[in-house]
Protein backbone atom coordinates (compact mmCIF):
# COMPACT_ATOMS: atom_id res chain seq x y z
CA MET A 1 8.10 -16.86 -9.31
CA THR A 2 9.87 -16.20 -5.86
CA TRP A 3 8.60 -13.61 -3.46
CA ILE A 4 11.45 -10.93 -4.26
CA LEU A 5 9.87 -11.13 -8.14
CA TYR A 6 6.36 -10.58 -6.79
CA ALA A 7 7.63 -7.66 -4.25
CA LEU A 8 9.66 -5.87 -7.13
CA ALA A 9 6.49 -6.14 -9.68
CA CYS A 10 4.48 -4.67 -6.61
CA VAL A 11 7.23 -1.87 -6.17
CA PHE A 12 6.69 -1.05 -9.80
CA LEU A 13 2.86 -1.33 -9.89
CA TYR A 14 2.23 0.66 -6.78
CA GLY A 15 4.65 3.30 -7.83
CA LEU A 16 2.38 3.56 -11.26
CA MET A 17 -0.73 3.53 -9.26
CA GLN A 18 0.21 6.52 -7.27
CA PHE A 19 1.17 8.23 -10.42
CA PHE A 20 -2.28 7.61 -11.58
CA ILE A 21 -3.88 8.55 -8.37
CA LYS A 22 -2.06 11.93 -8.27
CA LEU A 23 -3.47 12.61 -11.89
CA SER A 24 -6.86 11.78 -10.96
CA SER A 25 -7.01 13.77 -7.59
CA ASN A 26 -7.20 17.40 -9.20
CA GLY A 27 -10.75 18.16 -8.43
CA ASN A 28 -12.99 15.90 -6.50
CA ALA A 29 -10.41 13.41 -4.38
CA ILE A 30 -13.49 11.79 -2.96
CA ALA A 31 -15.14 10.99 -6.33
CA SER A 32 -11.66 10.01 -7.89
CA SER A 33 -11.21 7.73 -5.12
CA LEU A 34 -14.42 5.96 -5.85
CA TYR A 35 -13.64 5.42 -9.22
CA PHE A 36 -10.53 4.09 -8.28
CA VAL A 37 -11.87 1.50 -5.69
CA GLY A 38 -14.72 0.44 -8.26
CA SER A 39 -12.30 -0.29 -10.94
CA GLN A 40 -9.70 -2.15 -8.41
CA PHE A 41 -12.69 -4.21 -7.22
CA VAL A 42 -13.96 -5.22 -10.84
CA ALA A 43 -9.98 -6.17 -11.62
CA GLN A 44 -9.63 -8.12 -8.32
CA VAL A 45 -12.77 -10.15 -9.20
CA ILE A 46 -11.60 -10.94 -12.55
CA LEU A 47 -8.12 -11.94 -11.65
CA GLY A 48 -9.32 -13.49 -8.30
CA ALA A 49 -11.47 -15.82 -10.56
CA TYR A 50 -8.40 -16.58 -12.79
CA PHE A 51 -6.22 -17.56 -9.75
CA ILE A 52 -9.08 -19.43 -7.78
CA SER A 53 -9.84 -21.47 -10.91
CA LYS A 54 -6.15 -22.66 -10.96
CA ASN A 55 -5.96 -22.85 -6.99
CA GLY A 56 -8.93 -23.28 -5.63
CA PHE A 57 -10.93 -21.58 -3.23
CA ASP A 58 -10.26 -22.89 0.58
CA VAL A 59 -9.64 -20.39 2.93
CA GLU A 60 -9.71 -20.09 6.54
CA GLN A 61 -12.30 -18.54 8.84
CA SER A 62 -9.33 -16.11 10.65
CA ALA A 63 -8.26 -15.42 7.07
CA ILE A 64 -11.70 -14.07 5.82
CA LYS A 65 -11.77 -12.03 8.92
CA TYR A 66 -8.41 -10.47 8.63
CA SER A 67 -9.23 -9.81 5.00
CA ILE A 68 -12.11 -7.65 5.81
CA LEU A 69 -10.47 -5.87 8.08
CA GLY A 70 -7.60 -4.88 5.93
CA GLY A 71 -10.24 -4.17 3.14
CA ILE A 72 -11.81 -1.52 5.61
CA THR A 73 -8.34 -0.20 6.59
CA ALA A 74 -7.50 -0.06 2.86
CA ALA A 75 -10.32 1.88 1.98
CA VAL A 76 -9.59 4.61 4.74
CA ALA A 77 -6.31 4.74 3.69
CA THR A 78 -6.85 5.39 -0.17
CA ILE A 79 -9.35 8.12 0.58
CA LEU A 80 -6.78 9.61 2.55
CA PHE A 81 -4.25 9.24 0.32
CA PHE A 82 -6.33 10.79 -2.46
CA LEU A 83 -6.83 13.71 -0.23
CA ALA A 84 -3.39 14.10 0.41
CA LEU A 85 -2.26 14.28 -3.24
CA GLU A 86 -5.13 16.74 -3.66
CA GLN A 87 -3.19 19.34 -1.57
CA SER A 88 0.31 18.41 -1.96
CA THR A 89 3.08 16.99 -4.39
CA LEU A 90 3.51 13.54 -5.67
CA SER A 91 7.11 13.74 -4.62
CA LYS A 92 6.09 14.68 -0.97
CA VAL A 93 3.12 12.58 -0.18
CA VAL A 94 4.31 9.39 -1.61
CA PRO A 95 7.54 9.19 0.56
CA VAL A 96 5.38 9.82 3.84
CA VAL A 97 2.85 7.51 3.30
CA ASN A 98 5.53 4.81 2.59
CA LEU A 99 6.63 5.29 6.23
CA ASN A 100 4.02 2.47 6.45
CA LEU A 101 6.96 -0.04 6.27
CA ILE A 102 7.91 0.99 9.62
CA VAL A 103 4.32 0.06 10.67
CA GLY A 104 4.32 -3.12 9.02
CA VAL A 105 7.94 -4.40 10.14
CA LEU A 106 7.06 -3.30 13.95
CA LEU A 107 3.87 -5.06 13.89
CA GLY A 108 5.83 -8.09 12.27
CA VAL A 109 8.38 -7.77 15.22
CA LEU A 110 5.97 -7.08 17.92
CA LEU A 111 3.08 -9.37 17.13
CA LEU A 112 4.43 -11.99 14.83
CA LYS A 113 7.73 -12.55 16.33
CA ASP A 114 9.43 -11.62 13.16
CA GLU A 115 13.13 -10.97 13.26
CA MET A 116 14.49 -7.65 14.03
CA ASN A 117 18.17 -6.92 13.83
CA LEU A 118 20.55 -3.96 13.62
CA ARG A 119 20.39 -4.16 9.82
CA ILE A 120 16.56 -3.87 9.68
CA GLY A 121 16.67 -1.35 12.64
CA GLY A 122 19.40 0.62 10.36
CA GLY A 123 17.04 0.40 7.40
CA ILE A 124 14.13 1.91 9.51
CA ILE A 125 16.38 5.02 10.38
CA LEU A 126 17.67 5.42 7.08
CA ALA A 127 13.75 5.29 5.82
CA MET A 128 12.96 7.88 8.12
CA ALA A 129 15.96 10.14 7.23
CA SER A 130 15.15 10.02 3.64
CA ILE A 131 11.51 11.18 4.66
CA TYR A 132 13.04 14.24 6.20
CA LEU A 133 15.06 14.77 3.24
CA LEU A 134 12.44 14.29 0.73
CA THR A 135 9.96 16.33 2.13
CA THR A 136 11.78 19.45 3.52
CA SER A 137 12.22 22.41 1.45
CA SER A 138 15.55 23.06 0.32
């Protein structure tokens, strides 16, 4: 499978995940986030064990450090996402949260020397414009 198929599958699954989070966030967002993270952990362990059995468990030390930092960051972001959805609509929260693509692109360009060109810059500007259109009242 190529990277684009993985990425498109993520688009669908992340969208579905956000929908389920919204359904669960009416009440106690913090408790719901704990159920979410717990079930994600179990699924991750099961799927991880399957893929490790096929590909091995070789991991570089720096990858472990960055994985832990990413997990902590994701935990905080997940709780904040549940809290935001408890207070607003899915159609407003999700576009704002998905501005994370700008953070990722900029970090990739600045720190990893990823390519930045006019097309990518234009895409970032259009993403920001879409957030404005999706989140402002009519």
